[in-house]
Protein backbone atom coordinates (compact mmCIF):
# COMPACT_ATOMS: atom_id res chain seq x y z
CA MET A 1 32.09 3.31 5.22
CA ILE A 2 28.65 2.15 6.39
CA SER A 3 28.70 -0.58 9.00
CA ALA A 4 27.08 -3.96 8.44
CA PRO A 5 24.41 -3.56 11.17
CA ILE A 6 23.09 -0.43 9.45
CA VAL A 7 22.88 -2.26 6.14
CA HIS A 8 21.07 -5.19 7.72
CA ALA A 9 18.67 -2.87 9.57
CA SER A 10 17.88 -1.00 6.34
CA THR A 11 17.24 -4.26 4.51
CA ALA A 12 14.90 -5.51 7.24
CA PHE A 13 13.12 -2.15 7.36
CA LEU A 14 12.44 -2.15 3.62
CA ALA A 15 11.28 -5.78 3.76
CA HIS A 16 8.82 -5.05 6.58
CA LEU A 17 7.59 -2.03 4.62
CA LEU A 18 7.15 -3.62 1.20
CA ALA A 19 5.38 -6.75 2.41
CA PRO A 20 2.34 -4.95 3.98
CA ALA A 21 2.13 -2.64 0.96
CA ALA A 22 2.00 -5.61 -1.42
CA ARG A 23 -0.61 -7.38 0.70
CA SER A 24 -2.74 -4.22 0.90
CA LEU A 25 -2.49 -3.77 -2.85
CA CYS A 26 -3.73 -7.33 -3.40
CA LEU A 27 -6.55 -6.67 -0.94
CA GLY A 28 -7.55 -3.48 -2.74
CA CYS A 29 -7.57 -5.25 -6.11
CA PHE A 30 -9.74 -8.01 -4.67
CA ALA A 31 -12.17 -5.44 -3.22
CA ALA A 32 -12.38 -3.56 -6.52
CA LEU A 33 -13.03 -6.79 -8.43
CA ALA A 34 -15.69 -7.83 -5.90
CA VAL A 35 -17.47 -4.46 -6.13
CA GLY A 36 -17.41 -4.64 -9.91
CA ALA A 37 -18.50 -8.27 -10.09
CA LEU A 38 -21.36 -7.80 -7.63
CA ARG A 39 -22.36 -4.51 -9.31
CA VAL A 40 -22.71 -2.64 -6.06
CA LYS A 41 -24.72 0.49 -6.92
CA SER A 42 -25.27 1.71 -3.38
CA VAL A 43 -23.00 4.61 -2.56
CA SER A 44 -23.03 3.71 1.12
CA GLY A 45 -22.01 0.15 0.30
CA ARG A 46 -19.06 1.20 -1.85
CA LEU A 47 -17.98 3.78 0.71
CA ALA A 48 -18.08 1.11 3.45
CA VAL A 49 -15.90 -1.21 1.34
CA TRP A 50 -13.28 1.48 0.67
CA LYS A 51 -13.20 2.42 4.35
CA MET A 52 -12.64 -1.21 5.27
CA VAL A 53 -9.76 -1.41 2.79
CA LEU A 54 -8.23 1.74 4.30
CA TYR A 55 -8.43 0.47 7.88
CA ALA A 56 -7.04 -2.91 6.83
CA ALA A 57 -4.14 -1.28 4.95
CA LEU A 58 -3.25 0.75 8.04
CA ALA A 59 -3.38 -2.32 10.28
CA MET A 60 -1.60 -4.64 7.84
CA PRO A 61 1.94 -4.14 9.29
CA LEU A 62 0.71 -5.01 12.79
CA LEU A 63 -1.45 -7.90 11.63
CA GLY A 64 1.49 -9.42 9.78
CA LEU A 65 3.44 -9.56 13.05
CA ILE A 66 0.78 -10.86 15.44
CA LEU A 67 -1.11 -13.33 13.22
CA PRO A 68 0.26 -16.86 12.86
CA PRO A 69 1.61 -17.53 9.37
CA LEU A 70 -0.58 -19.49 6.97
CA SER A 71 1.57 -21.53 4.56
CA LEU A 72 0.29 -21.92 1.02
CA GLU A 73 1.69 -24.33 -1.56
CA LEU A 74 1.70 -23.56 -5.24
CA PRO A 75 -0.62 -25.63 -7.43
CA SER A 76 0.84 -28.24 -9.72
CA ALA A 77 0.23 -26.05 -12.77
CA LEU A 78 2.60 -23.41 -11.42
CA ALA A 79 5.11 -26.02 -10.30
CA ARG A 80 5.52 -27.23 -13.88
CA LEU A 81 6.70 -23.77 -14.88
CA ILE A 82 9.81 -24.14 -12.70
CA PRO A 83 12.73 -25.24 -14.92
CA GLN A 84 14.26 -28.64 -14.50
CA ARG A 85 17.39 -29.07 -12.38
CA ALA A 86 19.72 -30.16 -15.15
CA THR A 87 18.56 -27.39 -17.51
CA VAL A 88 19.21 -24.65 -14.97
CA ALA A 89 22.52 -26.15 -13.86
CA ASN A 90 23.79 -26.45 -17.43
CA ALA A 91 22.75 -22.88 -18.17
CA LEU A 92 24.63 -21.63 -15.14
CA ARG A 93 27.75 -23.59 -16.06
CA ALA A 94 27.59 -22.31 -19.61
CA SER A 95 27.40 -18.72 -18.41
CA GLY A 96 30.27 -19.23 -15.95
CA ASP A 97 28.13 -18.75 -12.82
CA THR A 98 28.07 -21.09 -9.87
CA PRO A 99 24.74 -22.56 -8.74
CA MET A 100 23.55 -21.71 -5.27
CA ALA A 101 24.47 -24.08 -2.51
CA GLY A 102 21.76 -26.65 -1.95
CA ALA A 103 19.71 -25.58 -4.97
CA PHE A 104 21.06 -28.17 -7.44
CA ALA A 105 23.03 -31.38 -6.88
CA PRO A 106 26.55 -31.21 -8.42
CA GLU A 107 27.59 -33.78 -10.97
CA PRO A 108 30.10 -36.40 -9.76
CA PHE A 109 33.74 -35.74 -10.59
CA PRO A 110 35.30 -38.57 -12.65
CA VAL A 111 38.08 -40.28 -10.71
CA ALA A 112 39.84 -43.62 -10.92
CA PRO A 113 38.11 -46.62 -9.34
CA PHE A 114 40.33 -46.58 -6.29
CA SER A 115 39.27 -45.81 -2.72
CA LEU A 116 41.86 -43.68 -0.96
CA HIS A 117 41.83 -42.98 2.73
CA PRO A 118 41.04 -39.29 3.47
CA GLU A 119 44.31 -38.93 5.32
CA THR A 120 46.41 -40.48 2.56
CA PRO A 121 48.80 -37.93 1.08
CA LEU A 122 49.09 -37.52 -2.63
CA PRO A 123 52.23 -39.25 -3.96
CA GLN A 124 54.96 -36.76 -4.77
CA GLY A 125 56.94 -39.03 -7.05
CA ASP A 126 55.96 -41.88 -9.32
CA SER A 127 54.88 -44.02 -6.35
CA ALA A 128 54.59 -43.93 -2.59
CA VAL A 129 53.80 -46.20 0.38
CA HIS A 130 50.50 -45.86 2.23
CA PRO A 131 51.36 -44.99 5.86
CA MET A 132 48.56 -47.15 7.35
CA THR A 133 48.43 -50.22 5.10
CA ALA A 134 52.04 -50.23 3.86
CA THR A 135 50.85 -50.74 0.27
CA ARG A 136 52.56 -49.06 -2.63
CA ILE A 137 50.37 -46.72 -4.68
CA SER A 138 51.20 -44.74 -7.79
CA ARG A 139 49.95 -41.44 -9.16
CA SER A 140 48.09 -43.27 -11.93
CA ASP A 141 45.98 -45.01 -9.29
CA VAL A 142 44.88 -41.70 -7.75
CA LEU A 143 44.60 -39.33 -10.69
CA PRO A 144 42.58 -40.03 -13.87
CA ALA A 145 44.26 -40.77 -17.14
CA ASP A 146 42.95 -37.63 -18.79
CA ARG A 147 44.62 -34.84 -16.82
CA SER A 148 42.83 -32.11 -18.82
CA ILE A 149 39.61 -32.58 -16.81
CA LEU A 150 41.32 -31.70 -13.56
CA PRO A 151 40.40 -28.26 -12.21
CA LYS A 152 43.16 -25.69 -12.40
CA ALA A 153 44.21 -24.04 -9.22
CA ALA A 154 43.20 -20.40 -8.97
CA PRO A 155 46.17 -18.04 -8.78
CA VAL A 156 46.76 -16.53 -5.40
CA VAL A 157 46.39 -12.76 -5.56
CA ARG A 158 47.75 -10.78 -2.68
CA GLU A 159 45.93 -7.71 -1.45
CA SER A 160 48.98 -5.58 -2.17
CA ASP A 161 49.11 -6.84 -5.78
CA ALA A 162 45.49 -5.88 -6.54
CA SER A 163 45.17 -3.19 -9.15
CA PRO A 164 43.29 0.09 -8.47
CA ALA A 165 40.72 -0.84 -11.12
CA ILE A 166 39.77 -4.02 -9.26
CA ALA A 167 39.51 -2.11 -5.99
CA ALA A 168 37.29 0.50 -7.60
CA LYS A 169 35.08 -2.22 -9.09
CA ASN A 170 34.68 -3.89 -5.70
CA SER A 171 33.77 -0.58 -4.09
CA ARG A 172 31.10 0.01 -6.71
CA THR A 173 29.56 -3.42 -6.32
CA SER A 174 29.45 -3.10 -2.55
CA PHE A 175 27.46 0.14 -2.55
CA PRO A 176 24.76 -0.11 0.16
CA TRP A 177 21.69 0.41 -1.98
CA THR A 178 19.34 -0.62 0.83
CA VAL A 179 20.63 2.21 3.00
CA PHE A 180 20.16 4.65 0.12
CA PHE A 181 16.57 3.53 -0.54
CA ALA A 182 15.72 3.60 3.17
CA ALA A 183 17.04 7.16 3.48
CA PHE A 184 15.16 8.22 0.35
CA TYR A 185 11.92 6.71 1.67
CA ILE A 186 12.27 8.43 5.03
CA SER A 187 12.90 11.79 3.33
CA ILE A 188 9.78 11.60 1.14
CA THR A 189 7.69 10.34 4.05
CA LEU A 190 8.74 13.26 6.22
CA ILE A 191 7.67 15.67 3.46
CA PHE A 192 4.19 14.14 3.28
CA LEU A 193 3.85 14.05 7.06
CA GLY A 194 4.92 17.70 7.18
CA ARG A 195 2.22 18.63 4.69
CA LEU A 196 -0.35 16.75 6.76
CA LEU A 197 0.76 18.52 9.92
CA LEU A 198 0.60 21.92 8.22
CA GLY A 199 -2.92 21.17 7.02
CA ILE A 200 -4.00 20.36 10.57
CA ILE A 201 -2.43 23.56 11.91
CA PHE A 202 -4.02 25.75 9.24
CA SER A 203 -7.40 24.11 9.78
CA ARG A 204 -7.26 24.89 13.49
CA ARG A 205 -6.31 28.48 12.80
CA LEU A 206 -9.20 28.73 10.36
CA VAL A 207 -11.63 27.48 12.99
CA ARG A 208 -10.29 29.93 15.58
CA SER A 209 -10.60 32.89 13.22
CA ALA A 210 -14.14 32.00 12.13
CA ARG A 211 -17.15 33.83 13.57
CA PRO A 212 -19.85 31.63 15.11
CA VAL A 213 -23.30 31.71 13.53
CA ALA A 214 -26.25 31.89 15.91
CA GLN A 215 -28.81 29.12 15.68
CA SER A 216 -31.57 31.72 15.43
CA GLU A 217 -30.28 32.80 11.99
CA VAL A 218 -30.87 29.33 10.55
CA ALA A 219 -33.76 28.26 12.77
CA GLY A 220 -36.23 28.19 9.89
CA VAL A 221 -33.95 26.06 7.73
CA LEU A 222 -33.04 23.60 10.50
CA ALA A 223 -36.60 23.12 11.71
CA ILE A 224 -37.06 20.05 9.51
CA ASP A 225 -33.65 18.51 10.25
CA GLU A 226 -33.74 18.97 14.03
CA ARG A 227 -36.04 15.97 14.38
CA GLU A 228 -33.32 13.72 12.94
CA ASP A 229 -30.46 15.32 14.86
CA HIS A 230 -28.04 12.87 16.43
CA PRO A 231 -26.98 13.85 19.96
CA ALA A 232 -23.42 12.61 19.34
CA PHE A 233 -22.99 15.01 16.39
CA PRO A 234 -24.27 18.44 17.42
CA MET A 235 -24.22 21.01 14.65
CA ARG A 236 -21.79 23.90 15.04
CA LEU A 237 -21.90 26.66 12.45
CA ALA A 238 -19.44 29.45 11.73
CA GLU A 239 -18.53 31.75 8.84
CA SER A 240 -15.11 32.68 7.50
CA GLU A 241 -13.75 35.10 4.91
CA LEU A 242 -10.93 32.71 3.95
CA ILE A 243 -13.12 30.14 2.18
CA SER A 244 -15.24 30.28 -0.95
CA VAL A 245 -17.30 27.11 -0.46
CA PRO A 246 -18.76 25.39 2.63
CA ILE A 247 -16.47 22.86 4.30
CA THR A 248 -16.55 20.61 7.36
CA LEU A 249 -13.56 20.48 9.71
CA GLY A 250 -12.74 18.77 12.97
CA ILE A 251 -12.84 15.20 14.23
CA LEU A 252 -13.73 15.35 17.92
CA ARG A 253 -15.64 18.62 17.64
CA PRO A 254 -16.75 18.93 14.00
CA ILE A 255 -17.81 22.33 12.72
CA ILE A 256 -19.41 23.49 9.46
CA LEU A 257 -17.83 26.61 8.00
CA LEU A 258 -19.79 28.78 5.57
CA PRO A 259 -18.51 31.59 3.36
CA VAL A 260 -19.56 35.12 4.30
CA GLY A 261 -22.15 35.31 1.49
CA TRP A 262 -24.27 32.42 2.72
CA ARG A 263 -27.17 34.72 3.69
CA GLU A 264 -27.84 35.41 0.01
CA TRP A 265 -28.40 31.78 -0.94
CA GLY A 266 -32.04 31.42 0.04
CA PRO A 267 -33.71 28.91 2.36
CA ALA A 268 -33.80 26.04 -0.15
CA ALA A 269 -30.14 26.29 -1.15
CA LEU A 270 -29.03 26.77 2.46
CA GLY A 271 -31.01 23.75 3.59
CA ALA A 272 -29.44 21.56 0.86
CA VAL A 273 -25.95 22.77 1.72
CA LEU A 274 -26.42 22.12 5.44
CA ALA A 275 -27.82 18.65 4.74
CA HIS A 276 -24.79 17.92 2.57
CA GLU A 277 -22.27 19.05 5.18
CA ARG A 278 -24.16 17.42 8.02
CA SER A 279 -23.87 14.04 6.33
CA HIS A 280 -20.09 14.49 6.37
CA VAL A 281 -20.27 15.07 10.13
CA THR A 282 -22.50 12.04 10.72
CA ARG A 283 -20.22 9.65 8.81
CA ARG A 284 -17.04 11.10 10.32
CA ASP A 285 -15.60 11.77 6.87
CA ALA A 286 -13.02 14.14 8.37
CA LEU A 287 -11.51 11.24 10.32
CA THR A 288 -11.54 9.01 7.26
CA GLN A 289 -9.82 11.65 5.19
CA ARG A 290 -7.18 12.23 7.86
CA LEU A 291 -6.42 8.51 8.04
CA SER A 292 -6.31 8.34 4.25
CA LEU A 293 -3.74 11.14 4.16
CA LEU A 294 -1.71 9.32 6.82
CA HIS A 295 -1.83 6.10 4.82
CA ARG A 296 -0.70 7.96 1.71
CA ALA A 297 2.14 9.59 3.62
CA ILE A 298 3.46 6.23 4.86
CA PHE A 299 2.84 4.14 1.72
CA TRP A 300 3.34 6.88 -0.88
CA PHE A 301 5.17 4.44 -3.15
CA SER A 302 2.10 2.20 -3.44
CA PRO A 303 -0.50 3.07 -6.12
CA LEU A 304 -3.21 1.89 -3.74
CA SER A 305 -2.65 4.84 -1.39
CA TRP A 306 -3.27 7.42 -4.14
CA TRP A 307 -6.14 5.57 -5.75
CA LEU A 308 -7.86 4.87 -2.44
CA HIS A 309 -7.61 8.50 -1.28
CA GLY A 310 -9.36 9.75 -4.40
CA ARG A 311 -11.96 7.00 -4.28
CA LEU A 312 -12.88 7.76 -0.66
CA ALA A 313 -13.22 11.49 -1.38
CA ASP A 314 -15.43 10.92 -4.42
CA ALA A 315 -17.64 8.39 -2.64
CA ALA A 316 -18.06 10.70 0.37
CA GLU A 317 -19.13 13.63 -1.85
CA GLU A 318 -21.53 11.43 -3.78
CA ALA A 319 -23.09 10.15 -0.56
CA SER A 320 -23.46 13.71 0.75
CA ASP A 321 -25.12 14.79 -2.50
CA GLU A 322 -27.64 11.99 -2.07
CA ALA A 323 -28.23 13.14 1.51
CA ALA A 324 -29.02 16.64 0.26
CA LEU A 325 -31.42 15.29 -2.36
CA LEU A 326 -33.10 13.00 0.18
CA SER A 327 -33.69 16.01 2.43
CA GLY A 328 -36.05 17.44 -0.22
CA ALA A 329 -33.73 19.58 -2.36
CA ASP A 330 -34.65 20.09 -6.00
CA ARG A 331 -32.16 18.44 -8.35
CA ALA A 332 -31.87 21.32 -10.80
CA GLN A 333 -31.60 23.93 -8.05
CA TYR A 334 -29.03 21.92 -6.13
CA ALA A 335 -26.96 21.38 -9.28
CA GLU A 336 -27.09 25.12 -9.94
CA THR A 337 -25.86 25.79 -6.38
CA LEU A 338 -22.91 23.43 -6.89
CA LEU A 339 -22.04 25.09 -10.18
CA GLY A 340 -21.93 28.41 -8.33
CA PHE A 341 -19.43 26.92 -5.89
CA PHE A 342 -17.24 25.71 -8.75
CA VAL A 343 -17.30 29.16 -10.34
CA ALA A 344 -16.32 30.72 -6.99
CA LEU A 345 -13.32 28.41 -6.77
CA GLN A 346 -12.22 29.31 -10.27
CA GLN A 347 -12.50 33.03 -9.59
CA THR A 348 -10.31 32.84 -6.48
CA PRO A 349 -7.31 30.74 -7.58
CA ARG A 350 -4.95 32.26 -5.01
CA ARG A 351 -7.20 31.66 -2.07
CA VAL A 352 -6.26 28.77 0.17
CA ARG A 353 -8.05 25.58 -0.85
CA TRP A 354 -8.27 23.47 2.24
CA GLN A 355 -7.92 19.72 2.19
CA GLY A 356 -11.62 19.27 2.87
CA VAL A 357 -12.60 20.88 -0.43
CA SER A 358 -12.90 17.85 -2.67
CA MET A 359 -14.70 19.74 -5.42
CA ALA A 360 -11.50 21.65 -6.22
CA LYS A 361 -10.24 18.68 -8.24
CA ALA A 362 -10.36 18.89 -12.00
CA GLY A 363 -13.35 17.22 -13.61
CA GLN A 364 -15.44 17.06 -10.46
CA ALA A 365 -18.04 19.58 -11.61
CA GLU A 366 -19.23 17.57 -14.62
CA LYS A 367 -19.31 14.27 -12.77
CA ARG A 368 -21.22 15.53 -9.76
CA VAL A 369 -23.72 17.52 -11.78
CA ASP A 370 -24.39 14.54 -14.05
CA ARG A 371 -24.96 12.28 -11.04
CA ILE A 372 -27.30 14.79 -9.41
CA LEU A 373 -29.40 15.28 -12.55
CA ALA A 374 -29.54 11.50 -13.16
CA TRP A 375 -30.54 10.69 -9.58
CA GLU A 376 -33.86 8.83 -9.44
CA GLY A 377 -34.54 8.98 -5.73
CA ASP A 378 -33.64 5.37 -4.93
CA GLY A 379 -30.65 6.18 -2.76
CA SER A 380 -30.32 5.06 0.82
CA MET A 381 -28.13 6.58 3.48
CA HIS A 382 -27.95 3.44 5.63
CA LEU A 383 -27.01 -0.12 4.73
CA ASN A 384 -29.23 -3.05 5.53
CA ARG A 385 -28.24 -4.64 8.84
CA SER A 386 -27.86 -8.13 7.37
CA LEU A 387 -25.80 -6.75 4.49
CA SER A 388 -23.62 -4.79 6.90
CA ILE A 389 -22.95 -7.87 9.02
CA SER A 390 -22.18 -9.97 5.94
CA LEU A 391 -19.76 -7.37 4.61
CA LEU A 392 -18.09 -7.08 8.00
CA LEU A 393 -17.59 -10.84 8.44
CA LEU A 394 -16.40 -11.31 4.87
CA GLY A 395 -14.07 -8.35 5.17
CA ILE A 396 -12.52 -9.63 8.40
CA ALA A 397 -11.93 -13.06 6.88
CA VAL A 398 -10.33 -11.62 3.73
CA VAL A 399 -8.15 -9.20 5.70
CA PHE A 400 -6.88 -11.91 8.05
CA PHE A 401 -6.15 -14.20 5.10
CA ALA A 402 -4.26 -11.44 3.27
CA ALA A 403 -2.21 -10.64 6.39
CA ALA A 404 -1.37 -14.24 7.38
CA ALA A 405 -0.89 -15.88 3.96
CA ARG A 406 2.68 -16.99 3.26
CA PRO A 407 2.88 -18.36 -0.30
CA SER A 408 5.77 -20.78 -0.68
CA ILE A 409 7.49 -21.25 -4.03
CA ALA A 410 10.40 -23.23 -2.58
CA ARG A 411 8.16 -26.12 -1.58
CA ALA A 412 6.90 -26.58 -5.11
CA GLN A 413 10.49 -26.51 -6.36
CA ASP A 414 11.61 -29.01 -3.72
CA GLN A 415 8.83 -31.38 -4.72
CA LEU A 416 9.99 -31.11 -8.31
CA VAL A 417 13.65 -31.67 -7.46
CA ASN A 418 13.05 -34.37 -4.84
CA PRO A 419 9.94 -36.34 -5.82
CA ALA A 420 10.30 -38.63 -2.81
C-alpha cells in the first residue's frame, strides 16, 4: 500500500512538470506564428528566435517559482459559455451525482412554517412538551404533510458485512495513478539522459583518438579566413577514421574533425567545408544542441521539445551553408561536395553517426541542395543591432508574461453565479 505523502508528492511533481511544459508550448506556438506573420527570411533571425525559445523553455520551471503571479480574468465572451447554475445542478441531480461544495447553492428543503429551537428534540409520540417554553407541539407541526419528500436514511453497512466485490471495487478506484505516471516519467527521462551521457562520452573518446592536423597543411586555404579569426574561437583541426563527414565537437574547446580523405578534396572544397564548420564554432552550435537534447530529455512528452530540436539543427545547418557561400564558394561545387558527403553516409550505414551529424536525417540532402542552388547572395551572418535589441526586449517581455500569467476561470464563474 502506497502512503498518502508519496501520492501527494507525485501529484505535486506532475503538476510542477506539466505547467512549465504547457507554458513553453504556448510560447513556442506564439514564436512560430510571429515568425510566419512577420515573414522572417533571415536565417540568423529565425535561429535567434528558436534559441530564445529553447532558453526560455529551460528556465520556465524556475521562472514560474520566482516571478510574482499575474492574474488574468476571462473575457465576457468566454464567461457566457459557462453553464447556468440551475442547469448544471439539475443535470447533476438527474444523474445521481452530488454537486461540489460551494459550487452551487442547494435548493431549500420544504418544511412546515414552524420555527423549532435547534435543541428541541423530535416528538416521539403524537405530541410532546417543549423543554424550554413548556408548549405542546405535535409531529404534524414539525414534519411536512407529504412524508414522501423526506430523505430516506442510508442503511448502515458494517465493515465486516461488506462483500468482497465492493472491497475489490474500492481497491481499483483507489489506485495511485499519479505515482504510476511519475514513475513512468522518471524511467523514460533516465533513458534519454543516459543516451545524452553516452553521446558525450563517445564524443570525448573520438576527440582523444583523432590525430591533430598541422596548420601548415591548410595554410593556403586558411590564408583568407585568418583575417576574420575571432580570438575567443581558435581553430583546432584533427582527422579521424571513425567519421565519414566533417563534424564539430566540444563546447569549451571546440574542434573540427575531418575524415581521413580530406586531402583529396581540393582547395576550394576544403575552404568551403572549413568555413561551414567554423560558423558552427562561432555560434556555439554545439552548446545549443546539447541544451536542446537536455530539454528533450526532460520534457520528452511535449511536442515542442522534438519540434524545436529539429528546427534548431536545420536552422544551424542552413546558416552554416550561407557562411560557406559568403566565403566565396561556388554554389554548384559546394552542392556537389555536400552530395558526396550524403553518399558517404549511405555507403557506411554501420559506422557510428555522431549527434553532430545533422545531414544524416532523411530528406536533408534535397532540402539543403535546393537552398544552396537557390541562394541569391543576400544572406547575412549577423543581425542588425537595432533588430537584435528589439527581439531581445520583446522576447523577455513575452517570456515573463508566459511564466507569470495565471488565467482564472473561477472568477468568471463566480461573477456569473454571484452578480453582486
